[in-house]
Amino acid sequence: MKLAEQLAGTAKMLYLSTLPAVNQDQERLVPQKEAAAYLGIAVGTLRDWEPKGKVTGRVEVGRYMLYPLDVLQALCGDTMYD
């Protein structure tokens, strides 16, 4: 594994460990902007994926769009930080 990939993985792990459990199922939810950054895509792309069914499980809290962490991990195949 390249050093850049290791550093990116470490940064993800540190960030994800600080996310609070937001819903009653104790499922970690990620804000839209951070979800897009986690996936390495633009926020607009994330929004485009929703009607196509590529991203599911969005939760609306007021005006904020939150995505379940497990859905994001499944999209990028990154489950080592559970």
C-alpha atoms as a PDB file:
ATOM      1  CA  MET A   1       0.000   0.000   0.000  1.00  0.00           C
ATOM      2  CA  LYS A   2       1.319   3.440  -0.882  1.00  0.00           C
ATOM      3  CA  LEU A   3       1.997   5.966   1.856  1.00  0.00           C
ATOM      4  CA  ALA A   4      -0.655   8.353   0.493  1.00  0.00           C
ATOM      5  CA  GLU A   5      -3.283   5.587   0.698  1.00  0.00           C
ATOM      6  CA  GLN A   6      -2.237   4.737   4.246  1.00  0.00           C
ATOM      7  CA  LEU A   7      -2.486   8.378   5.300  1.00  0.00           C
ATOM      8  CA  ALA A   8      -5.884   8.740   3.645  1.00  0.00           C
ATOM      9  CA  GLY A   9      -7.095   5.613   5.445  1.00  0.00           C
ATOM     10  CA  THR A  10      -5.809   6.923   8.761  1.00  0.00           C
ATOM     11  CA  ALA A  11      -7.519  10.271   8.203  1.00  0.00           C
ATOM     12  CA  LYS A  12     -10.817   8.495   7.425  1.00  0.00           C
ATOM     13  CA  MET A  13     -10.498   6.369  10.548  1.00  0.00           C
ATOM     14  CA  LEU A  14      -9.856   9.390  12.766  1.00  0.00           C
ATOM     15  CA  TYR A  15     -12.721  11.372  11.254  1.00  0.00           C
ATOM     16  CA  LEU A  16     -15.228   8.524  11.329  1.00  0.00           C
ATOM     17  CA  SER A  17     -14.428   7.713  14.942  1.00  0.00           C
ATOM     18  CA  THR A  18     -15.663  11.195  15.918  1.00  0.00           C
ATOM     19  CA  LEU A  19     -19.074  10.892  14.238  1.00  0.00           C
ATOM     20  CA  PRO A  20     -21.961  10.785  16.708  1.00  0.00           C
ATOM     21  CA  ALA A  21     -24.751   8.222  16.540  1.00  0.00           C
ATOM     22  CA  VAL A  22     -27.744  10.308  15.524  1.00  0.00           C
ATOM     23  CA  ASN A  23     -30.758   8.055  15.121  1.00  0.00           C
ATOM     24  CA  GLN A  24     -32.520   5.688  17.492  1.00  0.00           C
ATOM     25  CA  ASP A  25     -30.828   2.642  15.924  1.00  0.00           C
ATOM     26  CA  GLN A  26     -27.428   4.037  16.972  1.00  0.00           C
ATOM     27  CA  GLU A  27     -26.510   4.169  13.306  1.00  0.00           C
ATOM     28  CA  ARG A  28     -23.769   6.640  12.430  1.00  0.00           C
ATOM     29  CA  LEU A  29     -25.015   9.265  10.000  1.00  0.00           C
ATOM     30  CA  VAL A  30     -22.760  11.443   7.875  1.00  0.00           C
ATOM     31  CA  PRO A  31     -23.672  14.942   6.583  1.00  0.00           C
ATOM     32  CA  GLN A  32     -24.016  15.291   2.807  1.00  0.00           C
ATOM     33  CA  LYS A  33     -20.821  17.278   2.269  1.00  0.00           C
ATOM     34  CA  GLU A  34     -18.715  14.854   4.308  1.00  0.00           C
ATOM     35  CA  ALA A  35     -20.392  11.868   2.635  1.00  0.00           C
ATOM     36  CA  ALA A  36     -19.394  13.206  -0.788  1.00  0.00           C
ATOM     37  CA  ALA A  37     -15.833  13.835   0.410  1.00  0.00           C
ATOM     38  CA  TYR A  38     -15.660  10.332   1.903  1.00  0.00           C
ATOM     39  CA  LEU A  39     -16.682   8.854  -1.456  1.00  0.00           C
ATOM     40  CA  GLY A  40     -14.367  11.202  -3.365  1.00  0.00           C
ATOM     41  CA  ILE A  41     -17.174  12.717  -5.421  1.00  0.00           C
ATOM     42  CA  ALA A  42     -18.909  16.087  -5.714  1.00  0.00           C
ATOM     43  CA  VAL A  43     -22.030  16.821  -3.678  1.00  0.00           C
ATOM     44  CA  GLY A  44     -23.948  17.201  -6.955  1.00  0.00           C
ATOM     45  CA  THR A  45     -22.918  13.704  -7.995  1.00  0.00           C
ATOM     46  CA  LEU A  46     -24.158  12.346  -4.677  1.00  0.00           C
ATOM     47  CA  ARG A  47     -27.500  14.077  -5.252  1.00  0.00           C
ATOM     48  CA  ASP A  48     -27.656  12.676  -8.806  1.00  0.00           C
ATOM     49  CA  TRP A  49     -27.086   9.150  -7.499  1.00  0.00           C
ATOM     50  CA  GLU A  50     -30.139   9.242  -5.205  1.00  0.00           C
ATOM     51  CA  PRO A  51     -32.898   9.068  -7.876  1.00  0.00           C
ATOM     52  CA  LYS A  52     -30.871   6.390  -9.678  1.00  0.00           C
ATOM     53  CA  GLY A  53     -30.884   4.262  -6.514  1.00  0.00           C
ATOM     54  CA  LYS A  54     -27.111   4.096  -6.154  1.00  0.00           C
ATOM     55  CA  VAL A  55     -27.310   5.804  -2.738  1.00  0.00           C
ATOM     56  CA  THR A  56     -30.147   4.890  -0.386  1.00  0.00           C
ATOM     57  CA  GLY A  57     -31.115   5.522   3.193  1.00  0.00           C
ATOM     58  CA  ARG A  58     -30.879   9.307   3.259  1.00  0.00           C
ATOM     59  CA  VAL A  59     -32.261  10.819   6.438  1.00  0.00           C
ATOM     60  CA  GLU A  60     -33.522  14.389   6.517  1.00  0.00           C
ATOM     61  CA  VAL A  61     -33.073  16.278   9.766  1.00  0.00           C
ATOM     62  CA  GLY A  62     -34.491  19.726   9.245  1.00  0.00           C
ATOM     63  CA  ARG A  63     -32.684  21.016   6.184  1.00  0.00           C
ATOM     64  CA  TYR A  64     -29.746  18.645   6.563  1.00  0.00           C
ATOM     65  CA  MET A  65     -29.273  15.484   4.524  1.00  0.00           C
ATOM     66  CA  LEU A  66     -27.513  12.665   6.355  1.00  0.00           C
ATOM     67  CA  TYR A  67     -26.384   9.306   5.004  1.00  0.00           C
ATOM     68  CA  PRO A  68     -25.854   6.068   6.930  1.00  0.00           C
ATOM     69  CA  LEU A  69     -22.149   5.288   7.225  1.00  0.00           C
ATOM     70  CA  ASP A  70     -22.674   1.629   6.341  1.00  0.00           C
ATOM     71  CA  VAL A  71     -24.235   2.633   2.988  1.00  0.00           C
ATOM     72  CA  LEU A  72     -21.218   4.819   2.200  1.00  0.00           C
ATOM     73  CA  GLN A  73     -18.801   2.087   3.216  1.00  0.00           C
ATOM     74  CA  ALA A  74     -20.603  -0.412   0.987  1.00  0.00           C
ATOM     75  CA  LEU A  75     -20.291   1.974  -1.962  1.00  0.00           C
ATOM     76  CA  CYS A  76     -16.545   2.272  -1.635  1.00  0.00           C
ATOM     77  CA  GLY A  77     -15.874  -1.176  -0.160  1.00  0.00           C
ATOM     78  CA  ASP A  78     -14.357   0.355   2.986  1.00  0.00           C
ATOM     79  CA  THR A  79     -15.598  -1.544   6.044  1.00  0.00           C
ATOM     80  CA  MET A  80     -12.420  -1.748   8.112  1.00  0.00           C
ATOM     81  CA  TYR A  81     -13.452   1.106  10.450  1.00  0.00           C
ATOM     82  CA  ASP A  82     -16.653  -0.361  11.873  1.00  0.00           C
END
